[in-house]
Amino acid sequence: MARAPRGRSSVPDRPLHTDRCGEPPPALLRRGIEQFNQGNFFEQHETLEELWRAERDDVRYLYQGILLVGVGMYHLFARRNYYGAVTKLETGLRLLHWFRPACQGVDVDALIAEAARARDAIVALGRERLAEFDPSLTPRVRLIGASAGEQGELPRSPARRRPPNRALPGNKASPS
């Protein structure tokens, strides 16, 4: 079994707290979730980064945690980057932990379980066998309760079974 890389963490070194978990998900969060669940990991990064950077409350780390799980999957599928995939997934998991079991309608416990399963599968495959990752292990973000609203659980599109291998657009930096 391959060993997971160790790197620097962007997780705050203090407990995270927000009183805003009972609020409905903002429009940009819903859009980012839809992009994530469609396998558009670069696009979800752009959308959730806009939301995360504008927010001052600690709920911003929920957005960043989701964003980083998506970036981890981007590193896996688009770049075949073992280190990027594992470290982004691990950092996203550490951030999401503070928002369990759910926050702003996001089923955080389910996302943590699915992201951890994906990370464990990537680590087990190791650098040399990333192409063998089972796409059915790709995590998805679920909305629960009233927040699911008219969309219900956001559907798994056919693109989720075979995630896109997107080249980075022109002058944009890669997600991180």
Protein backbone atom coordinates (compact mmCIF):
# COMPACT_ATOMS: atom_id res chain seq x y z
CA MET A 1 0.00 0.00 0.00
CA ALA A 2 1.32 3.44 -0.91
CA ARG A 3 1.88 6.05 1.76
CA ALA A 4 -0.09 9.28 1.80
CA PRO A 5 2.01 12.41 1.35
CA ARG A 6 2.42 14.85 4.20
CA GLY A 7 2.35 18.54 3.48
CA ARG A 8 1.61 21.93 4.93
CA SER A 9 -1.95 22.54 6.00
CA SER A 10 -4.15 25.54 5.32
CA VAL A 11 -6.51 24.53 8.13
CA PRO A 12 -6.79 27.21 10.81
CA ASP A 13 -5.10 26.26 14.07
CA ARG A 14 -8.16 27.19 16.11
CA PRO A 15 -11.61 25.63 16.46
CA LEU A 16 -14.01 26.79 13.78
CA HIS A 17 -17.47 28.02 14.73
CA THR A 18 -20.43 29.51 12.91
CA ASP A 19 -24.02 30.22 13.85
CA ARG A 20 -24.98 30.13 10.18
CA CYS A 21 -25.31 26.39 9.59
CA GLY A 22 -29.10 26.64 9.88
CA GLU A 23 -29.29 29.07 6.96
CA PRO A 24 -30.18 27.85 3.48
CA PRO A 25 -27.31 27.41 1.05
CA PRO A 26 -26.43 30.61 -0.83
CA ALA A 27 -26.94 30.63 -4.60
CA LEU A 28 -23.20 30.38 -5.32
CA LEU A 29 -22.93 27.35 -3.03
CA ARG A 30 -25.79 25.66 -4.87
CA ARG A 31 -24.14 26.45 -8.20
CA GLY A 32 -20.77 25.13 -6.98
CA ILE A 33 -22.44 21.94 -5.72
CA GLU A 34 -24.11 21.40 -9.07
CA GLN A 35 -20.79 21.85 -10.87
CA PHE A 36 -19.08 19.50 -8.40
CA ASN A 37 -21.73 16.80 -8.87
CA GLN A 38 -21.41 17.10 -12.65
CA GLY A 39 -17.68 16.45 -12.44
CA ASN A 40 -16.82 20.03 -13.41
CA PHE A 41 -14.17 20.32 -10.72
CA PHE A 42 -12.31 23.28 -12.21
CA GLU A 43 -15.54 25.26 -12.53
CA GLN A 44 -16.67 24.38 -8.98
CA HIS A 45 -13.32 25.70 -7.77
CA GLU A 46 -13.89 29.04 -9.47
CA THR A 47 -17.45 29.34 -8.13
CA LEU A 48 -16.75 28.29 -4.54
CA GLU A 49 -13.56 30.34 -4.38
CA GLU A 50 -15.61 33.45 -5.15
CA LEU A 51 -17.98 32.57 -2.29
CA TRP A 52 -15.18 31.57 0.12
CA ARG A 53 -13.10 34.70 -0.45
CA ALA A 54 -16.06 37.05 0.02
CA GLU A 55 -17.19 35.46 3.30
CA ARG A 56 -15.79 36.59 6.67
CA ASP A 57 -17.68 34.19 8.96
CA ASP A 58 -16.12 30.77 9.69
CA VAL A 59 -18.77 29.23 7.41
CA ARG A 60 -16.25 30.19 4.69
CA TYR A 61 -14.29 27.07 5.69
CA LEU A 62 -17.28 24.88 4.80
CA TYR A 63 -17.09 26.35 1.30
CA GLN A 64 -13.32 25.92 1.21
CA GLY A 65 -13.61 22.31 2.43
CA ILE A 66 -16.03 21.41 -0.38
CA LEU A 67 -13.84 23.31 -2.86
CA LEU A 68 -10.73 21.37 -1.78
CA VAL A 69 -12.42 17.99 -2.10
CA GLY A 70 -13.32 18.98 -5.66
CA VAL A 71 -9.78 20.20 -6.33
CA GLY A 72 -8.48 16.86 -5.06
CA MET A 73 -10.65 15.11 -7.63
CA TYR A 74 -9.48 17.55 -10.31
CA HIS A 75 -5.88 16.61 -9.50
CA LEU A 76 -6.81 12.94 -9.78
CA PHE A 77 -8.78 13.03 -13.03
CA ALA A 78 -7.35 15.95 -15.01
CA ARG A 79 -3.72 15.89 -13.91
CA ARG A 80 -3.09 12.36 -12.59
CA ASN A 81 -1.34 14.12 -9.70
CA TYR A 82 -1.17 11.76 -6.72
CA TYR A 83 0.27 14.28 -4.27
CA GLY A 84 -2.24 17.01 -5.25
CA ALA A 85 -5.19 14.62 -5.05
CA VAL A 86 -4.32 13.23 -1.62
CA THR A 87 -3.26 16.48 0.03
CA LYS A 88 -6.27 18.48 -1.21
CA LEU A 89 -8.66 15.72 -0.12
CA GLU A 90 -7.03 15.53 3.32
CA THR A 91 -7.14 19.29 3.85
CA GLY A 92 -10.77 19.43 2.69
CA LEU A 93 -11.65 16.64 5.13
CA ARG A 94 -9.99 18.46 8.03
CA LEU A 95 -12.01 21.60 7.27
CA LEU A 96 -15.31 19.78 6.80
CA HIS A 97 -14.98 18.05 10.17
CA TRP A 98 -15.98 21.28 11.96
CA PHE A 99 -19.35 21.43 10.17
CA ARG A 100 -20.66 17.94 10.95
CA PRO A 101 -23.26 16.58 10.67
CA ALA A 102 -24.74 19.15 8.27
CA CYS A 103 -24.40 22.85 7.51
CA GLN A 104 -26.40 25.11 5.20
CA GLY A 105 -28.25 22.04 3.95
CA VAL A 106 -25.06 20.18 2.99
CA ASP A 107 -24.89 16.61 4.28
CA VAL A 108 -21.34 17.07 5.60
CA ASP A 109 -21.16 13.60 7.20
CA ALA A 110 -21.93 11.94 3.85
CA LEU A 111 -19.39 14.11 2.02
CA ILE A 112 -16.72 13.30 4.62
CA ALA A 113 -17.41 9.56 4.29
CA GLU A 114 -17.29 9.64 0.49
CA ALA A 115 -14.21 11.87 0.30
CA ALA A 116 -12.37 9.69 2.83
CA ARG A 117 -13.29 6.58 0.80
CA ALA A 118 -11.92 8.23 -2.36
CA ARG A 119 -8.74 9.33 -0.57
CA ASP A 120 -8.19 5.84 0.84
CA ALA A 121 -8.65 4.30 -2.62
CA ILE A 122 -6.15 6.75 -4.13
CA VAL A 123 -3.59 6.02 -1.40
CA ALA A 124 -4.09 2.26 -1.88
CA LEU A 125 -3.50 2.59 -5.63
CA GLY A 126 -0.44 4.76 -5.21
CA ARG A 127 1.18 7.03 -7.76
CA GLU A 128 1.68 4.38 -10.40
CA ARG A 129 -1.89 3.10 -10.57
CA LEU A 130 -4.00 6.29 -10.40
CA ALA A 131 -5.59 5.48 -13.76
CA GLU A 132 -7.23 2.47 -12.08
CA PHE A 133 -9.30 4.65 -9.71
CA ASP A 134 -12.93 3.53 -9.74
CA PRO A 135 -14.95 6.62 -10.79
CA SER A 136 -17.96 5.34 -8.83
CA LEU A 137 -15.97 6.31 -5.70
CA THR A 138 -16.03 9.96 -6.73
CA PRO A 139 -17.65 11.89 -3.87
CA ARG A 140 -20.70 14.03 -4.41
CA VAL A 141 -22.28 16.77 -2.36
CA ARG A 142 -25.81 16.14 -1.17
CA LEU A 143 -28.33 18.70 0.00
CA ILE A 144 -30.71 17.52 2.69
CA GLY A 145 -33.95 18.67 4.25
CA ALA A 146 -35.66 21.83 3.08
CA SER A 147 -32.40 23.02 1.48
CA ALA A 148 -32.76 20.34 -1.16
CA GLY A 149 -35.87 22.28 -2.22
CA GLU A 150 -36.96 21.96 -5.79
CA GLN A 151 -33.71 20.34 -6.86
CA GLY A 152 -33.83 17.50 -4.35
CA GLU A 153 -30.54 15.66 -4.34
CA LEU A 154 -28.61 17.09 -7.21
CA PRO A 155 -28.57 14.43 -9.91
CA ARG A 156 -25.53 12.43 -10.87
CA SER A 157 -25.00 13.23 -14.52
CA PRO A 158 -23.43 10.79 -17.00
CA ALA A 159 -20.27 12.93 -16.76
CA ARG A 160 -19.86 11.73 -13.17
CA ARG A 161 -19.16 8.19 -14.31
CA ARG A 162 -16.36 9.34 -16.60
CA PRO A 163 -15.04 12.65 -15.24
CA PRO A 164 -13.74 15.13 -17.77
CA ASN A 165 -10.04 15.45 -18.48
CA ARG A 166 -10.03 19.20 -18.86
CA ALA A 167 -7.05 21.21 -19.92
CA LEU A 168 -6.67 24.42 -17.99
CA PRO A 169 -8.21 27.40 -19.75
CA GLY A 170 -5.84 30.01 -21.21
CA ASN A 171 -4.40 32.22 -18.53
CA LYS A 172 -5.99 30.73 -15.42
CA ALA A 173 -3.89 29.17 -12.73
CA SER A 174 -4.60 25.59 -11.76
CA PRO A 175 -6.93 25.05 -8.77
CA SER A 176 -5.24 24.84 -5.42
